[in-house]
Amino acid sequence: MPDTKIGQLYTWEKDRHFRYIKCNENYAAAAGLDSPYSIIGKTDDEMPWRSLADNFRAGDQSVIDGNTGRILIQEKEIMVNRTADILVTEKQLVTSADQCIGVIGYFIDITGHQLVRTNTDQYFADERHLYLGKEFDNEYLTRTEARILEKAISGWTCSKIALVFNKSERTVENHINNLKRKLQCKTKADLTSVVQSAGLHWRLSDWVLQTKSGRK
């Protein structure tokens, strides 16, 4: 896997009652907890950012209700020992039957950085390709690859992806193999960990959302 220079990624999942189901080590540390297991069953009212709990619940509820996920939203996060500027992505947490059971979220600490997005910046090469960066040998993803990758890291099987995108299962498998090559993965399961550790998920979600809405 590539040695990336992207900042740490903080991840979490909540159920429909806004209770935490899981989080990663970074998120647990930000909350002042001993381990990710300690967050299970807690709510934002029990976190260092409790003063922002109502705002977070409103955002969670909007996602659960089926509104557009919170993509690339810059917010303040009150961690256990400091306040940080963060870039947030959040979407529905769904079962294999597409039933929403909560929300899944990611954020990156961007304190001290100014992110300026343009049509020719480091993230988008042009309106048809998503640039992965130097850490991935300057590879690009096509729109189709990006959409398939988004589903693959959400746990979708090749047969389900093929059905939704009206492609043959063999074609989807070929795309998955190409994605593994571009992201330097050995298995399909590795795609999720590489996308998360490299901080690619928020870029991927934003670009897929824009291409679906016709803004790209």
C-alpha atoms as a PDB file:
ATOM      1  CA  MET A   1       0.000   0.000   0.000  1.00  0.00           C
ATOM      2  CA  PRO A   2       1.229   3.531  -0.702  1.00  0.00           C
ATOM      3  CA  ASP A   3       2.769   5.720   1.966  1.00  0.00           C
ATOM      4  CA  THR A   4       0.399   8.668   1.747  1.00  0.00           C
ATOM      5  CA  LYS A   5       0.882  12.204   3.049  1.00  0.00           C
ATOM      6  CA  ILE A   6      -2.821  12.831   3.658  1.00  0.00           C
ATOM      7  CA  GLY A   7      -3.881  13.900   7.150  1.00  0.00           C
ATOM      8  CA  GLN A   8      -5.464  11.482   9.588  1.00  0.00           C
ATOM      9  CA  LEU A   9      -8.946  10.226   8.828  1.00  0.00           C
ATOM     10  CA  TYR A  10     -11.605  10.093  11.567  1.00  0.00           C
ATOM     11  CA  THR A  11     -14.530   7.722  10.955  1.00  0.00           C
ATOM     12  CA  TRP A  12     -17.736   6.833  12.776  1.00  0.00           C
ATOM     13  CA  GLU A  13     -21.109   5.136  12.408  1.00  0.00           C
ATOM     14  CA  LYS A  14     -24.367   5.872  14.254  1.00  0.00           C
ATOM     15  CA  ASP A  15     -27.762   4.164  14.335  1.00  0.00           C
ATOM     16  CA  ARG A  16     -31.069   5.879  13.587  1.00  0.00           C
ATOM     17  CA  HIS A  17     -31.291   7.027  17.210  1.00  0.00           C
ATOM     18  CA  PHE A  18     -27.920   8.829  16.891  1.00  0.00           C
ATOM     19  CA  ARG A  19     -26.145   6.306  19.124  1.00  0.00           C
ATOM     20  CA  TYR A  20     -22.616   5.397  18.104  1.00  0.00           C
ATOM     21  CA  ILE A  21     -22.146   1.915  16.644  1.00  0.00           C
ATOM     22  CA  LYS A  22     -18.424   2.149  15.957  1.00  0.00           C
ATOM     23  CA  CYS A  23     -15.526   4.497  15.222  1.00  0.00           C
ATOM     24  CA  ASN A  24     -11.845   4.259  14.425  1.00  0.00           C
ATOM     25  CA  GLU A  25      -8.893   4.869  16.762  1.00  0.00           C
ATOM     26  CA  ASN A  26      -8.492   8.500  15.695  1.00  0.00           C
ATOM     27  CA  TYR A  27     -12.107   9.333  16.469  1.00  0.00           C
ATOM     28  CA  ALA A  28     -11.938   7.590  19.849  1.00  0.00           C
ATOM     29  CA  ALA A  29      -8.820   9.585  20.752  1.00  0.00           C
ATOM     30  CA  ALA A  30     -10.518  12.844  19.717  1.00  0.00           C
ATOM     31  CA  ALA A  31     -13.360  11.956  22.113  1.00  0.00           C
ATOM     32  CA  GLY A  32     -10.951  11.168  24.935  1.00  0.00           C
ATOM     33  CA  LEU A  33     -11.907   7.483  25.006  1.00  0.00           C
ATOM     34  CA  ASP A  34      -9.640   4.539  25.755  1.00  0.00           C
ATOM     35  CA  SER A  35     -10.642   2.604  22.647  1.00  0.00           C
ATOM     36  CA  PRO A  36     -13.235   2.589  19.837  1.00  0.00           C
ATOM     37  CA  TYR A  37     -15.253   0.041  21.823  1.00  0.00           C
ATOM     38  CA  SER A  38     -15.885   2.666  24.514  1.00  0.00           C
ATOM     39  CA  ILE A  39     -18.011   4.754  22.173  1.00  0.00           C
ATOM     40  CA  ILE A  40     -20.640   2.065  21.506  1.00  0.00           C
ATOM     41  CA  GLY A  41     -24.079   3.201  22.667  1.00  0.00           C
ATOM     42  CA  LYS A  42     -23.013   6.767  23.449  1.00  0.00           C
ATOM     43  CA  THR A  43     -24.435   9.893  21.812  1.00  0.00           C
ATOM     44  CA  ASP A  44     -22.911  13.255  20.936  1.00  0.00           C
ATOM     45  CA  ASP A  45     -24.341  14.600  24.216  1.00  0.00           C
ATOM     46  CA  GLU A  46     -21.657  12.519  25.963  1.00  0.00           C
ATOM     47  CA  MET A  47     -18.773  13.697  23.789  1.00  0.00           C
ATOM     48  CA  PRO A  48     -16.428  16.708  24.213  1.00  0.00           C
ATOM     49  CA  TRP A  49     -18.379  18.370  21.401  1.00  0.00           C
ATOM     50  CA  ARG A  50     -21.687  18.139  23.322  1.00  0.00           C
ATOM     51  CA  SER A  51     -22.334  21.865  22.741  1.00  0.00           C
ATOM     52  CA  LEU A  52     -22.627  21.042  19.015  1.00  0.00           C
ATOM     53  CA  ALA A  53     -24.750  17.912  19.523  1.00  0.00           C
ATOM     54  CA  ASP A  54     -27.992  19.482  18.305  1.00  0.00           C
ATOM     55  CA  ASN A  55     -26.325  20.620  15.071  1.00  0.00           C
ATOM     56  CA  PHE A  56     -24.842  17.172  14.489  1.00  0.00           C
ATOM     57  CA  ARG A  57     -28.189  15.472  15.119  1.00  0.00           C
ATOM     58  CA  ALA A  58     -29.893  17.784  12.652  1.00  0.00           C
ATOM     59  CA  GLY A  59     -27.310  16.872  10.014  1.00  0.00           C
ATOM     60  CA  ASP A  60     -27.612  13.161  10.815  1.00  0.00           C
ATOM     61  CA  GLN A  61     -31.404  13.297  10.575  1.00  0.00           C
ATOM     62  CA  SER A  62     -31.249  15.044   7.222  1.00  0.00           C
ATOM     63  CA  VAL A  63     -29.052  12.243   5.860  1.00  0.00           C
ATOM     64  CA  ILE A  64     -31.296   9.536   7.364  1.00  0.00           C
ATOM     65  CA  ASP A  65     -34.343  11.214   5.809  1.00  0.00           C
ATOM     66  CA  GLY A  66     -32.799  10.706   2.399  1.00  0.00           C
ATOM     67  CA  ASN A  67     -31.600  14.207   1.709  1.00  0.00           C
ATOM     68  CA  THR A  68     -28.203  14.685   0.084  1.00  0.00           C
ATOM     69  CA  GLY A  69     -25.397  13.536   2.333  1.00  0.00           C
ATOM     70  CA  ARG A  70     -23.222  16.175   3.914  1.00  0.00           C
ATOM     71  CA  ILE A  71     -20.383  16.363   1.429  1.00  0.00           C
ATOM     72  CA  LEU A  72     -17.297  18.519   1.962  1.00  0.00           C
ATOM     73  CA  ILE A  73     -18.819  20.565   4.752  1.00  0.00           C
ATOM     74  CA  GLN A  74     -16.306  22.583   6.766  1.00  0.00           C
ATOM     75  CA  GLU A  75     -17.188  22.674  10.455  1.00  0.00           C
ATOM     76  CA  LYS A  76     -15.692  23.218  13.885  1.00  0.00           C
ATOM     77  CA  GLU A  77     -15.014  20.163  16.022  1.00  0.00           C
ATOM     78  CA  ILE A  78     -14.374  20.459  19.763  1.00  0.00           C
ATOM     79  CA  MET A  79     -12.009  17.595  20.502  1.00  0.00           C
ATOM     80  CA  VAL A  80     -10.881  16.475  23.937  1.00  0.00           C
ATOM     81  CA  ASN A  81      -7.958  18.909  24.031  1.00  0.00           C
ATOM     82  CA  ARG A  82      -8.543  21.454  21.260  1.00  0.00           C
ATOM     83  CA  THR A  83     -10.911  22.868  18.656  1.00  0.00           C
ATOM     84  CA  ALA A  84     -10.237  21.888  15.063  1.00  0.00           C
ATOM     85  CA  ASP A  85     -11.421  22.853  11.606  1.00  0.00           C
ATOM     86  CA  ILE A  86     -12.680  19.735   9.882  1.00  0.00           C
ATOM     87  CA  LEU A  87     -13.918  18.666   6.468  1.00  0.00           C
ATOM     88  CA  VAL A  88     -16.897  16.324   6.816  1.00  0.00           C
ATOM     89  CA  THR A  89     -18.515  13.738   4.569  1.00  0.00           C
ATOM     90  CA  GLU A  90     -21.575  11.818   5.760  1.00  0.00           C
ATOM     91  CA  LYS A  91     -24.033   9.470   4.070  1.00  0.00           C
ATOM     92  CA  GLN A  92     -26.613   6.810   4.874  1.00  0.00           C
ATOM     93  CA  LEU A  93     -25.485   3.566   6.486  1.00  0.00           C
ATOM     94  CA  VAL A  94     -27.406   0.891   4.606  1.00  0.00           C
ATOM     95  CA  THR A  95     -27.826  -2.871   4.759  1.00  0.00           C
ATOM     96  CA  SER A  96     -27.287  -5.205   1.807  1.00  0.00           C
ATOM     97  CA  ALA A  97     -31.029  -4.751   1.141  1.00  0.00           C
ATOM     98  CA  ASP A  98     -30.556  -0.959   0.849  1.00  0.00           C
ATOM     99  CA  GLN A  99     -32.358  -0.286   4.145  1.00  0.00           C
ATOM    100  CA  CYS A 100     -31.060   2.797   5.966  1.00  0.00           C
ATOM    101  CA  ILE A 101     -30.035   1.889   9.521  1.00  0.00           C
ATOM    102  CA  GLY A 102     -28.116   5.042  10.397  1.00  0.00           C
ATOM    103  CA  VAL A 103     -25.295   7.237   9.151  1.00  0.00           C
ATOM    104  CA  ILE A 104     -21.636   6.730   8.363  1.00  0.00           C
ATOM    105  CA  GLY A 105     -19.269   9.655   8.456  1.00  0.00           C
ATOM    106  CA  TYR A 106     -15.683  10.683   7.854  1.00  0.00           C
ATOM    107  CA  PHE A 107     -13.756  13.839   8.594  1.00  0.00           C
ATOM    108  CA  ILE A 108     -10.260  15.156   8.004  1.00  0.00           C
ATOM    109  CA  ASP A 109      -8.574  17.713  10.257  1.00  0.00           C
ATOM    110  CA  ILE A 110      -7.704  20.720   8.072  1.00  0.00           C
ATOM    111  CA  THR A 111      -6.759  23.134  10.869  1.00  0.00           C
ATOM    112  CA  GLY A 112      -4.315  25.700   9.527  1.00  0.00           C
ATOM    113  CA  HIS A 113      -4.974  24.845   5.884  1.00  0.00           C
ATOM    114  CA  GLN A 114      -6.983  26.702   3.286  1.00  0.00           C
ATOM    115  CA  LEU A 115      -8.563  24.440   0.701  1.00  0.00           C
ATOM    116  CA  VAL A 116      -9.307  26.151  -2.595  1.00  0.00           C
ATOM    117  CA  ARG A 117     -11.186  24.137  -5.197  1.00  0.00           C
ATOM    118  CA  THR A 118     -10.854  24.985  -8.882  1.00  0.00           C
ATOM    119  CA  ASN A 119     -11.500  23.092 -12.094  1.00  0.00           C
ATOM    120  CA  THR A 120      -7.772  22.498 -12.524  1.00  0.00           C
ATOM    121  CA  ASP A 121      -6.710  21.811  -8.939  1.00  0.00           C
ATOM    122  CA  GLN A 122      -4.935  18.712  -7.653  1.00  0.00           C
ATOM    123  CA  TYR A 123      -8.175  16.758  -7.239  1.00  0.00           C
ATOM    124  CA  PHE A 124      -9.825  17.023 -10.664  1.00  0.00           C
ATOM    125  CA  ALA A 125      -7.865  16.783 -13.910  1.00  0.00           C
ATOM    126  CA  ASP A 126     -10.926  17.422 -16.051  1.00  0.00           C
ATOM    127  CA  GLU A 127     -14.648  16.814 -15.943  1.00  0.00           C
ATOM    128  CA  ARG A 128     -14.310  13.148 -16.935  1.00  0.00           C
ATOM    129  CA  HIS A 129     -11.491  11.941 -14.683  1.00  0.00           C
ATOM    130  CA  LEU A 130     -10.684  11.978 -10.969  1.00  0.00           C
ATOM    131  CA  TYR A 131      -6.969  12.422 -10.289  1.00  0.00           C
ATOM    132  CA  LEU A 132      -5.688  10.092  -7.553  1.00  0.00           C
ATOM    133  CA  GLY A 133      -2.413  11.865  -6.895  1.00  0.00           C
ATOM    134  CA  LYS A 134       1.303  11.184  -7.000  1.00  0.00           C
ATOM    135  CA  GLU A 135       1.064   8.563  -4.256  1.00  0.00           C
ATOM    136  CA  PHE A 136      -0.890   6.431  -6.740  1.00  0.00           C
ATOM    137  CA  ASP A 137       1.532   6.960  -9.630  1.00  0.00           C
ATOM    138  CA  ASN A 138      -0.583   9.811 -11.055  1.00  0.00           C
ATOM    139  CA  GLU A 139      -3.412   7.471 -11.979  1.00  0.00           C
ATOM    140  CA  TYR A 140      -6.951   8.641 -12.778  1.00  0.00           C
ATOM    141  CA  LEU A 141     -10.399   7.160 -12.243  1.00  0.00           C
ATOM    142  CA  THR A 142     -13.100   7.357 -14.881  1.00  0.00           C
ATOM    143  CA  ARG A 143     -16.669   8.165 -13.857  1.00  0.00           C
ATOM    144  CA  THR A 144     -17.643   4.507 -14.173  1.00  0.00           C
ATOM    145  CA  GLU A 145     -14.676   3.375 -12.078  1.00  0.00           C
ATOM    146  CA  ALA A 146     -15.470   5.963  -9.405  1.00  0.00           C
ATOM    147  CA  ARG A 147     -19.108   4.846  -9.171  1.00  0.00           C
ATOM    148  CA  ILE A 148     -18.138   1.179  -8.992  1.00  0.00           C
ATOM    149  CA  LEU A 149     -15.452   1.903  -6.386  1.00  0.00           C
ATOM    150  CA  GLU A 150     -17.941   3.791  -4.228  1.00  0.00           C
ATOM    151  CA  LYS A 151     -20.250   0.754  -4.216  1.00  0.00           C
ATOM    152  CA  ALA A 152     -17.406  -1.744  -3.745  1.00  0.00           C
ATOM    153  CA  ILE A 153     -16.093  -0.021  -0.603  1.00  0.00           C
ATOM    154  CA  SER A 154     -19.658   0.030   0.733  1.00  0.00           C
ATOM    155  CA  GLY A 155     -19.662  -3.769   0.633  1.00  0.00           C
ATOM    156  CA  TRP A 156     -21.650  -4.344  -2.557  1.00  0.00           C
ATOM    157  CA  THR A 157     -21.004  -7.607  -4.381  1.00  0.00           C
ATOM    158  CA  CYS A 158     -20.004  -7.658  -8.053  1.00  0.00           C
ATOM    159  CA  SER A 159     -23.360  -9.194  -8.967  1.00  0.00           C
ATOM    160  CA  LYS A 160     -25.292  -6.414  -7.222  1.00  0.00           C
ATOM    161  CA  ILE A 161     -23.150  -3.699  -8.833  1.00  0.00           C
ATOM    162  CA  ALA A 162     -23.678  -5.342 -12.221  1.00  0.00           C
ATOM    163  CA  LEU A 163     -27.444  -5.375 -11.728  1.00  0.00           C
ATOM    164  CA  VAL A 164     -27.686  -1.723 -10.660  1.00  0.00           C
ATOM    165  CA  PHE A 165     -25.386  -0.415 -13.402  1.00  0.00           C
ATOM    166  CA  ASN A 166     -26.810  -2.730 -16.086  1.00  0.00           C
ATOM    167  CA  LYS A 167     -23.460  -4.324 -16.832  1.00  0.00           C
ATOM    168  CA  SER A 168     -22.294  -7.914 -16.961  1.00  0.00           C
ATOM    169  CA  GLU A 169     -20.708  -9.336 -13.833  1.00  0.00           C
ATOM    170  CA  ARG A 170     -17.564 -10.045 -15.858  1.00  0.00           C
ATOM    171  CA  THR A 171     -17.340  -6.365 -16.835  1.00  0.00           C
ATOM    172  CA  VAL A 172     -17.665  -5.294 -13.197  1.00  0.00           C
ATOM    173  CA  GLU A 173     -14.994  -7.790 -12.161  1.00  0.00           C
ATOM    174  CA  ASN A 174     -12.685  -6.311 -14.804  1.00  0.00           C
ATOM    175  CA  HIS A 175     -13.308  -2.825 -13.418  1.00  0.00           C
ATOM    176  CA  ILE A 176     -12.590  -4.056  -9.894  1.00  0.00           C
ATOM    177  CA  ASN A 177      -9.315  -5.608 -11.045  1.00  0.00           C
ATOM    178  CA  ASN A 178      -8.345  -2.332 -12.711  1.00  0.00           C
ATOM    179  CA  LEU A 179      -9.213  -0.435  -9.532  1.00  0.00           C
ATOM    180  CA  LYS A 180      -7.025  -2.786  -7.504  1.00  0.00           C
ATOM    181  CA  ARG A 181      -4.153  -2.066  -9.883  1.00  0.00           C
ATOM    182  CA  LYS A 182      -4.601   1.702  -9.750  1.00  0.00           C
ATOM    183  CA  LEU A 183      -4.964   1.764  -5.959  1.00  0.00           C
ATOM    184  CA  GLN A 184      -2.181  -0.772  -5.482  1.00  0.00           C
ATOM    185  CA  CYS A 185      -4.354  -3.355  -3.734  1.00  0.00           C
ATOM    186  CA  LYS A 186      -4.062  -7.122  -3.719  1.00  0.00           C
ATOM    187  CA  THR A 187      -7.711  -7.895  -2.950  1.00  0.00           C
ATOM    188  CA  LYS A 188     -11.111  -6.264  -3.295  1.00  0.00           C
ATOM    189  CA  ALA A 189     -11.283  -6.012   0.508  1.00  0.00           C
ATOM    190  CA  ASP A 190      -8.109  -3.883   0.494  1.00  0.00           C
ATOM    191  CA  LEU A 191      -9.873  -1.172  -1.526  1.00  0.00           C
ATOM    192  CA  THR A 192     -11.818   0.042   1.516  1.00  0.00           C
ATOM    193  CA  SER A 193      -8.785   0.380   3.784  1.00  0.00           C
ATOM    194  CA  VAL A 194      -6.705   2.111   1.102  1.00  0.00           C
ATOM    195  CA  VAL A 195      -9.469   4.605   0.247  1.00  0.00           C
ATOM    196  CA  GLN A 196      -9.940   5.422   3.944  1.00  0.00           C
ATOM    197  CA  SER A 197      -6.268   5.609   4.903  1.00  0.00           C
ATOM    198  CA  ALA A 198      -5.485   7.834   1.903  1.00  0.00           C
ATOM    199  CA  GLY A 199      -8.408  10.169   2.616  1.00  0.00           C
ATOM    200  CA  LEU A 200      -9.879   9.500  -0.814  1.00  0.00           C
ATOM    201  CA  HIS A 201     -13.435   8.838   0.287  1.00  0.00           C
ATOM    202  CA  TRP A 202     -14.586  12.449   0.586  1.00  0.00           C
ATOM    203  CA  ARG A 203     -13.134  13.300  -2.837  1.00  0.00           C
ATOM    204  CA  LEU A 204     -14.726  10.219  -4.364  1.00  0.00           C
ATOM    205  CA  SER A 205     -18.167  10.894  -2.868  1.00  0.00           C
ATOM    206  CA  ASP A 206     -18.111  14.545  -3.883  1.00  0.00           C
ATOM    207  CA  TRP A 207     -17.139  13.807  -7.479  1.00  0.00           C
ATOM    208  CA  VAL A 208     -19.689  10.998  -7.902  1.00  0.00           C
ATOM    209  CA  LEU A 209     -22.407  13.253  -6.465  1.00  0.00           C
ATOM    210  CA  GLN A 210     -21.499  16.044  -8.875  1.00  0.00           C
ATOM    211  CA  THR A 211     -21.488  13.766 -11.910  1.00  0.00           C
ATOM    212  CA  LYS A 212     -24.911  12.394 -10.949  1.00  0.00           C
ATOM    213  CA  SER A 213     -26.350  15.874 -10.564  1.00  0.00           C
ATOM    214  CA  GLY A 214     -24.999  16.984 -13.934  1.00  0.00           C
ATOM    215  CA  ARG A 215     -22.685  19.641 -12.530  1.00  0.00           C
ATOM    216  CA  LYS A 216     -19.708  17.866 -14.098  1.00  0.00           C
END
